[in-house]
Protein backbone atom coordinates (compact mmCIF):
# COMPACT_ATOMS: atom_id res chain seq x y z
CA MET A 1 106.05 73.48 127.75
CA LYS A 2 102.58 73.87 127.15
CA THR A 3 100.96 73.81 123.82
CA ASN A 4 98.83 76.41 122.74
CA PRO A 5 95.33 76.03 123.18
CA CYS A 6 94.74 78.03 120.12
CA LYS A 7 93.01 76.61 117.66
CA ILE A 8 92.56 78.23 113.26
CA VAL A 9 89.61 78.12 111.44
CA ASP A 10 90.55 79.15 108.08
CA CYS A 11 87.60 80.42 106.11
CA THR A 12 89.08 81.44 102.53
CA ILE A 13 86.12 79.00 100.18
CA ARG A 14 83.72 80.19 102.81
CA ASP A 15 84.46 84.46 103.69
CA GLY A 16 86.21 84.64 100.33
CA GLY A 17 83.62 83.23 98.38
CA LEU A 18 81.74 86.77 99.42
CA VAL A 19 84.24 88.63 97.10
CA ASN A 20 83.63 86.52 93.87
CA ASN A 21 80.67 84.10 94.41
CA TRP A 22 82.20 80.74 95.20
CA ASP A 23 83.93 80.43 91.33
CA PHE A 24 86.36 78.70 93.41
CA SER A 25 88.05 75.53 91.22
CA VAL A 26 87.78 71.79 92.85
CA GLU A 27 91.64 72.19 91.66
CA PHE A 28 92.17 75.32 93.92
CA VAL A 29 89.82 73.63 96.34
CA GLN A 30 91.76 70.40 96.66
CA ASP A 31 95.20 72.24 96.61
CA LEU A 32 94.20 74.88 99.90
CA TYR A 33 92.81 71.62 101.94
CA ALA A 34 95.89 69.84 101.21
CA GLY A 35 97.65 73.08 102.14
CA LEU A 36 96.21 73.85 105.39
CA ASN A 37 96.50 70.11 106.53
CA GLU A 38 100.45 70.22 105.57
CA ALA A 39 100.65 73.22 107.92
CA GLY A 40 98.84 72.37 110.77
CA VAL A 41 95.70 74.06 110.60
CA ASP A 42 93.37 73.16 112.63
CA TYR A 43 89.37 73.70 110.66
CA MET A 44 88.74 74.25 107.00
CA GLU A 45 85.48 76.30 106.35
CA ILE A 46 84.74 74.93 103.00
CA GLY A 47 81.53 77.12 102.05
CA TYR A 48 78.33 77.27 103.61
CA LYS A 49 75.86 74.56 104.44
CA ASN A 50 72.38 76.98 103.56
CA SER A 51 69.65 75.79 101.31
CA PRO A 52 69.41 76.88 97.89
CA LYS A 53 65.24 76.72 97.88
CA LEU A 54 65.71 79.26 100.53
CA LEU A 55 68.04 81.48 98.66
CA LYS A 56 67.25 83.76 95.40
CA GLY A 57 70.45 83.69 92.68
CA ALA A 58 71.38 80.32 93.81
CA ASP A 59 72.48 79.16 90.71
CA GLN A 60 74.44 81.77 89.85
CA ALA A 61 76.44 81.30 92.96
CA GLY A 62 79.40 78.57 92.88
CA PRO A 63 79.33 75.01 94.41
CA TRP A 64 80.88 76.35 97.55
CA ARG A 65 78.08 78.04 98.55
CA PHE A 66 75.50 75.34 98.96
CA LEU A 67 77.69 72.72 100.10
CA ASN A 68 76.23 68.75 98.40
CA ASP A 69 77.20 65.88 100.81
CA ASP A 70 77.82 63.77 97.98
CA PHE A 71 80.12 66.74 95.44
CA LEU A 72 82.17 66.94 99.05
CA ARG A 73 82.77 63.56 99.24
CA GLN A 74 84.55 63.44 95.26
CA VAL A 75 86.62 66.76 96.51
CA ILE A 76 88.01 65.60 99.17
CA PRO A 77 88.25 62.00 99.13
CA GLN A 78 90.62 61.29 101.74
CA LYS A 79 90.12 63.71 104.88
CA GLY A 80 93.51 64.27 106.82
CA LYS A 81 93.36 65.58 110.36
CA THR A 82 92.53 68.96 109.26
CA LYS A 83 88.45 69.29 109.65
CA LEU A 84 86.01 70.21 107.61
CA SER A 85 83.27 73.15 108.20
CA ALA A 86 80.55 74.87 107.02
CA LEU A 87 78.39 78.29 108.33
CA VAL A 88 74.97 78.36 108.03
CA ASP A 89 72.48 81.49 108.45
CA ILE A 90 69.26 81.53 110.05
CA GLY A 91 66.25 81.39 107.71
CA ARG A 92 68.85 80.53 104.77
CA VAL A 93 68.50 76.83 106.10
CA ASP A 94 66.71 73.34 106.23
CA VAL A 95 67.38 70.92 108.23
CA ASP A 96 66.88 68.24 106.74
CA ASP A 97 69.34 69.12 104.01
CA ILE A 98 71.69 68.14 107.18
CA LEU A 99 73.08 64.83 107.16
CA PRO A 100 73.74 62.95 110.25
CA ARG A 101 77.73 63.46 111.44
CA SER A 102 78.07 59.66 110.64
CA GLU A 103 77.47 60.57 107.10
CA SER A 104 78.94 63.45 106.48
CA MET A 105 82.22 64.99 105.44
CA LEU A 106 81.82 68.02 107.51
CA ASP A 107 83.13 68.37 111.69
CA LEU A 108 81.51 71.10 112.22
CA ILE A 109 78.57 73.38 111.71
CA ARG A 110 78.66 76.93 112.83
CA VAL A 111 75.20 78.94 113.43
CA ALA A 112 75.35 82.89 112.31
CA CYS A 113 72.80 85.30 113.08
CA TYR A 114 71.84 88.90 114.39
CA ILE A 115 71.40 89.12 118.40
CA LYS A 116 67.36 89.19 117.30
CA ASP A 117 67.74 85.67 116.55
CA VAL A 118 70.26 84.02 119.18
CA ASP A 119 67.03 81.56 120.51
CA LYS A 120 66.18 80.66 116.64
CA ALA A 121 70.11 80.13 116.10
CA LEU A 122 69.98 77.86 119.11
CA GLU A 123 67.39 75.70 117.92
CA LEU A 124 69.57 75.09 115.09
CA ILE A 125 72.31 74.38 117.22
CA GLN A 126 70.53 71.78 119.06
CA VAL A 127 69.66 70.01 116.30
CA PHE A 128 73.11 69.77 114.44
CA HIS A 129 74.84 68.88 118.32
CA ASP A 130 72.00 65.79 118.42
CA ARG A 131 73.29 64.95 114.61
CA GLY A 132 76.30 64.65 115.77
CA TYR A 133 78.29 68.04 115.10
CA GLU A 134 80.80 70.19 116.73
CA THR A 135 78.57 73.92 117.27
CA THR A 136 79.38 77.37 117.09
CA LEU A 137 77.04 79.97 117.68
CA ASN A 138 78.52 83.96 115.81
CA ILE A 139 76.93 86.67 116.71
CA MET A 140 77.05 89.23 114.11
CA ALA A 141 77.55 92.52 113.92
CA LEU A 142 78.75 92.76 117.95
CA SER A 143 79.67 96.54 117.36
CA ASN A 144 75.98 97.01 117.19
CA VAL A 145 74.17 95.41 120.04
CA MET A 146 72.76 97.00 122.84
CA GLU A 147 74.12 96.12 126.67
CA ASN A 148 70.61 94.90 127.73
CA GLU A 149 70.28 92.47 124.32
CA LEU A 150 73.63 90.79 125.10
CA LEU A 151 72.95 89.98 128.50
CA GLU A 152 69.23 88.54 127.49
CA ALA A 153 71.34 86.72 124.85
CA PHE A 154 73.79 85.60 127.66
CA GLU A 155 70.85 83.52 129.64
CA MET A 156 69.62 81.84 126.80
CA ILE A 157 73.42 80.69 125.55
CA LYS A 158 74.82 79.07 128.81
CA ASP A 159 72.01 76.71 128.68
CA SER A 160 72.16 75.50 125.58
CA VAL A 161 74.23 73.18 123.72
CA VAL A 162 76.29 74.39 122.17
CA ASP A 163 80.33 74.00 122.24
CA VAL A 164 81.74 77.43 121.58
CA VAL A 165 80.73 80.95 121.44
CA TYR A 166 82.21 83.60 119.09
CA ILE A 167 83.04 87.75 119.28
CA VAL A 168 82.56 88.79 115.48
CA ASP A 169 83.12 92.03 114.74
CA SER A 170 81.68 92.00 111.07
CA TYR A 171 82.37 95.85 110.16
CA GLY A 172 86.16 95.94 111.13
CA SER A 173 85.45 98.72 113.66
CA LEU A 174 86.86 97.04 116.98
CA ASP A 175 90.42 97.90 118.33
CA HIS A 176 91.96 96.38 120.83
CA LYS A 177 89.89 97.67 124.17
CA ASP A 178 87.32 96.29 123.03
CA VAL A 179 87.89 93.33 122.10
CA GLU A 180 89.37 92.72 125.84
CA TYR A 181 86.29 94.04 126.97
CA LEU A 182 84.32 91.93 125.03
CA VAL A 183 86.03 88.62 125.81
CA GLU A 184 86.07 89.92 129.12
CA LYS A 185 82.62 90.05 129.29
CA PHE A 186 81.63 86.88 127.10
CA LYS A 187 83.70 84.88 130.01
CA THR A 188 82.41 86.54 132.29
CA ASN A 189 78.52 85.10 131.60
CA LEU A 190 79.66 82.50 130.11
CA PRO A 191 81.70 80.75 132.73
CA ASN A 192 81.21 77.37 130.65
CA LYS A 193 81.19 78.37 126.96
CA ARG A 194 84.75 77.88 124.97
CA LEU A 195 85.46 81.19 122.68
CA GLY A 196 85.74 81.89 119.49
CA VAL A 197 86.77 85.43 117.22
CA HIS A 198 86.43 86.54 113.95
CA THR A 199 87.84 89.74 112.70
CA HIS A 200 87.49 92.05 109.80
CA ASN A 201 90.10 94.41 108.76
CA ASN A 202 88.76 97.59 107.58
CA MET A 203 91.28 99.45 109.82
CA GLN A 204 94.45 97.27 109.62
CA LEU A 205 93.55 95.63 113.37
CA ALA A 206 92.20 92.57 112.05
CA PHE A 207 94.96 90.71 113.19
CA SER A 208 96.18 92.06 116.20
CA ASN A 209 92.40 91.87 117.26
CA THR A 210 93.19 88.11 117.12
CA LEU A 211 95.82 87.88 118.77
CA THR A 212 94.76 89.92 121.87
CA ALA A 213 91.13 87.88 121.82
CA ALA A 214 93.95 84.35 121.87
CA GLU A 215 95.99 86.13 124.69
CA HIS A 216 92.80 86.72 126.78
CA GLY A 217 91.70 83.13 126.43
CA VAL A 218 90.32 82.98 122.93
CA GLU A 219 90.43 79.69 121.82
CA LEU A 220 88.81 79.73 118.57
CA LEU A 221 90.92 82.39 115.58
CA ASP A 222 89.24 82.86 112.08
CA ALA A 223 91.33 83.68 109.93
CA SER A 224 91.65 83.65 105.69
CA VAL A 225 94.63 82.65 102.65
CA TYR A 226 96.31 85.93 101.85
CA GLY A 227 93.16 87.60 103.75
CA MET A 228 91.24 87.58 101.64
CA GLY A 229 87.44 87.50 102.80
CA ARG A 230 84.45 90.50 101.91
CA ALA A 231 85.34 93.70 102.23
CA ALA A 232 88.80 94.22 104.09
CA GLY A 233 88.91 90.63 104.36
CA ASN A 234 90.01 88.43 107.39
CA CYS A 235 93.07 88.46 109.65
CA PRO A 236 95.89 86.21 107.30
CA THR A 237 95.84 82.54 107.99
CA GLU A 238 99.87 82.90 107.50
CA LEU A 239 100.67 85.42 109.75
CA LEU A 240 99.14 83.38 112.65
CA VAL A 241 100.74 80.16 111.46
CA THR A 242 103.90 82.15 111.07
CA HIS A 243 103.11 83.97 115.19
CA LEU A 244 101.70 81.72 117.19
CA LYS A 245 104.13 80.46 119.98
CA ASN A 246 104.51 76.55 120.73
CA THR A 247 102.16 75.55 118.01
CA HIS A 248 102.76 72.82 115.21
CA TYR A 249 102.05 75.53 112.38
CA THR A 250 104.14 75.43 109.61
CA LEU A 251 104.24 78.23 106.90
CA ARG A 252 105.40 76.91 104.16
CA PRO A 253 102.63 75.40 102.82
CA VAL A 254 100.73 77.96 103.16
CA LEU A 255 103.29 80.30 101.02
CA ASP A 256 102.86 77.78 98.77
CA ILE A 257 99.23 78.25 98.54
CA ILE A 258 99.54 81.90 98.42
CA GLU A 259 102.41 81.79 95.59
CA ARG A 260 100.66 79.81 93.39
CA TYR A 261 96.65 80.77 93.99
CA MET A 262 96.47 84.32 95.56
CA ILE A 263 98.28 86.48 93.88
CA PRO A 264 96.85 85.38 90.81
CA LEU A 265 93.10 85.64 92.09
CA ARG A 266 94.01 89.20 93.96
CA GLU A 267 94.89 90.21 90.11
CA LYS A 268 91.39 89.45 89.40
CA VAL A 269 89.32 90.52 92.06
CA GLU A 270 89.16 92.60 95.04
CA TRP A 271 89.81 92.53 98.62
CA GLY A 272 91.98 93.53 101.56
CA TYR A 273 92.44 97.40 102.73
CA LEU A 274 91.30 100.44 101.25
CA ILE A 275 90.15 104.15 101.85
CA PRO A 276 86.01 103.38 101.48
CA TYR A 277 86.58 100.53 104.07
CA MET A 278 88.29 102.13 106.58
CA ILE A 279 85.54 104.91 106.32
CA THR A 280 82.53 102.45 106.99
CA GLY A 281 85.03 100.38 109.59
CA THR A 282 85.62 103.68 111.77
CA LEU A 283 81.76 104.81 111.16
CA ASP A 284 80.97 101.60 112.56
CA GLU A 285 78.99 100.53 109.20
CA HIS A 286 78.56 97.47 107.22
CA PRO A 287 80.99 97.87 104.65
CA ARG A 288 77.55 97.17 101.45
CA SER A 289 78.00 100.65 100.73
CA ALA A 290 81.90 100.58 100.22
CA MET A 291 81.56 97.63 98.21
CA ALA A 292 79.33 99.34 96.05
CA GLN A 293 81.76 102.80 95.73
CA ARG A 294 83.90 99.78 94.39
CA VAL A 295 82.39 98.75 91.60
CA SER A 296 81.00 102.83 90.55
CA LYS A 297 83.12 104.73 88.61
CA ASP A 298 84.08 106.75 91.31
CA LYS A 299 85.30 104.15 93.12
CA ASP A 300 88.65 106.27 94.30
CA LYS A 301 86.55 109.52 95.53
CA TYR A 302 87.42 109.14 99.06
CA VAL A 303 86.18 112.52 100.39
CA ASP A 304 83.05 112.58 97.85
CA PHE A 305 82.12 109.13 99.59
CA TYR A 306 83.38 109.94 102.92
CA ASP A 307 80.60 113.55 102.89
CA LYS A 308 77.89 111.55 102.34
CA LEU A 309 78.67 108.64 105.00
CA THR A 310 79.05 111.91 107.66
CA THR A 311 76.20 114.63 106.24
CA PRO A 312 72.76 113.25 107.45
CA GLU A 313 70.62 115.08 105.02
CA VAL A 314 72.12 112.78 102.27
CA ASN A 315 70.42 110.13 101.50
CA PHE A 316 73.73 107.46 99.79
CA ASP A 317 72.67 106.17 96.23
CA THR A 318 74.38 103.02 95.37
CA LYS A 319 73.71 103.25 91.91
C-alpha cells in the first residue's frame, strides 16, 4: 500500500501565539513538541524568527515571537523526528540574525508575504536556501489577489529555489471549489514546485478545505492543536492525524496535549468559530474588525456588526 505523501505542519505556537501574545510556558512548548513527535507529526512551527529591533512592542511579546537560537537549544535539547519550523515576515527580519542551518535548531524557514512583495520574499528565500534551510513561500490573502498579479508572481516563483509554495486562505473565505481551482492553477503554473495549504476556520471549512487540497496533490498541510490560531483558528491537527489514510500518525498523544493544556487555555483566551469571524469570512475581509468586536462591550451584537460591515457609508469604529 502506498504511503500518504502528505506532511503535517503544526502551527500551534506560531499562529496560536497571535491569540495570547505568545505567552506559552517553556513546559507547554516542550510537552507539545514531545506529544507531536510521539504522534508522528512532521513539523512543529515553534514561532517567528523576526527581528525584535524591526517591530514595535517586541518587549511585551513572549519569546516565541522572536526566536533566539540559544534559547531554542535550551527548550529542545534533544530533537526527535519532528522537524522545527519558523516563519518570517517581509521587512521584519534581519538576515544577519539567521544562523546557517548547521548551527541552528531550525530545519524549515517559511517566508510570508503579500502578492506585491513576492520578489522581496524570493530574495530572502535565496539567502535561507543558501544557508541550508528548507524553504516555503506563503502568499497571504490569496482570495484578494487579482489574476494578473498571480500570473506575474508565478513567473518569478517557478525559476526560484523555493521548495514549497503555499495556498493561504488568510480570511477563511474559500470553499472546496475555490481550493480546487487554486490548487490546479498553482500546479499548472508551477509544475516544478511542491505545494502547501494554510486554512482558517471562519466558515467551519478549514478541515474540509485542507482535505480537498490534499486530495488534489498538496503535500504540506498546516494545522494547529485544537485549532488554536488567530481569530477563527486553523484546521485542527487532531482531525488530520486521525483522518489521513496510510500515514504513520497516532492520535492519543495529541488528545493528551488537548486534555492537559488546550482545554484550560481555552478557558482563558478565545479562538475558533464565532459569528463575527463567520461574517468577515463570508465578506472576504481580514478578521481584525471582528477581533476588535470580540473585545468590546458589544461582542455579541452580531446584527449591528454585520450592518456596519455591509453599509458602505458607515465608518467602522473599532473603539
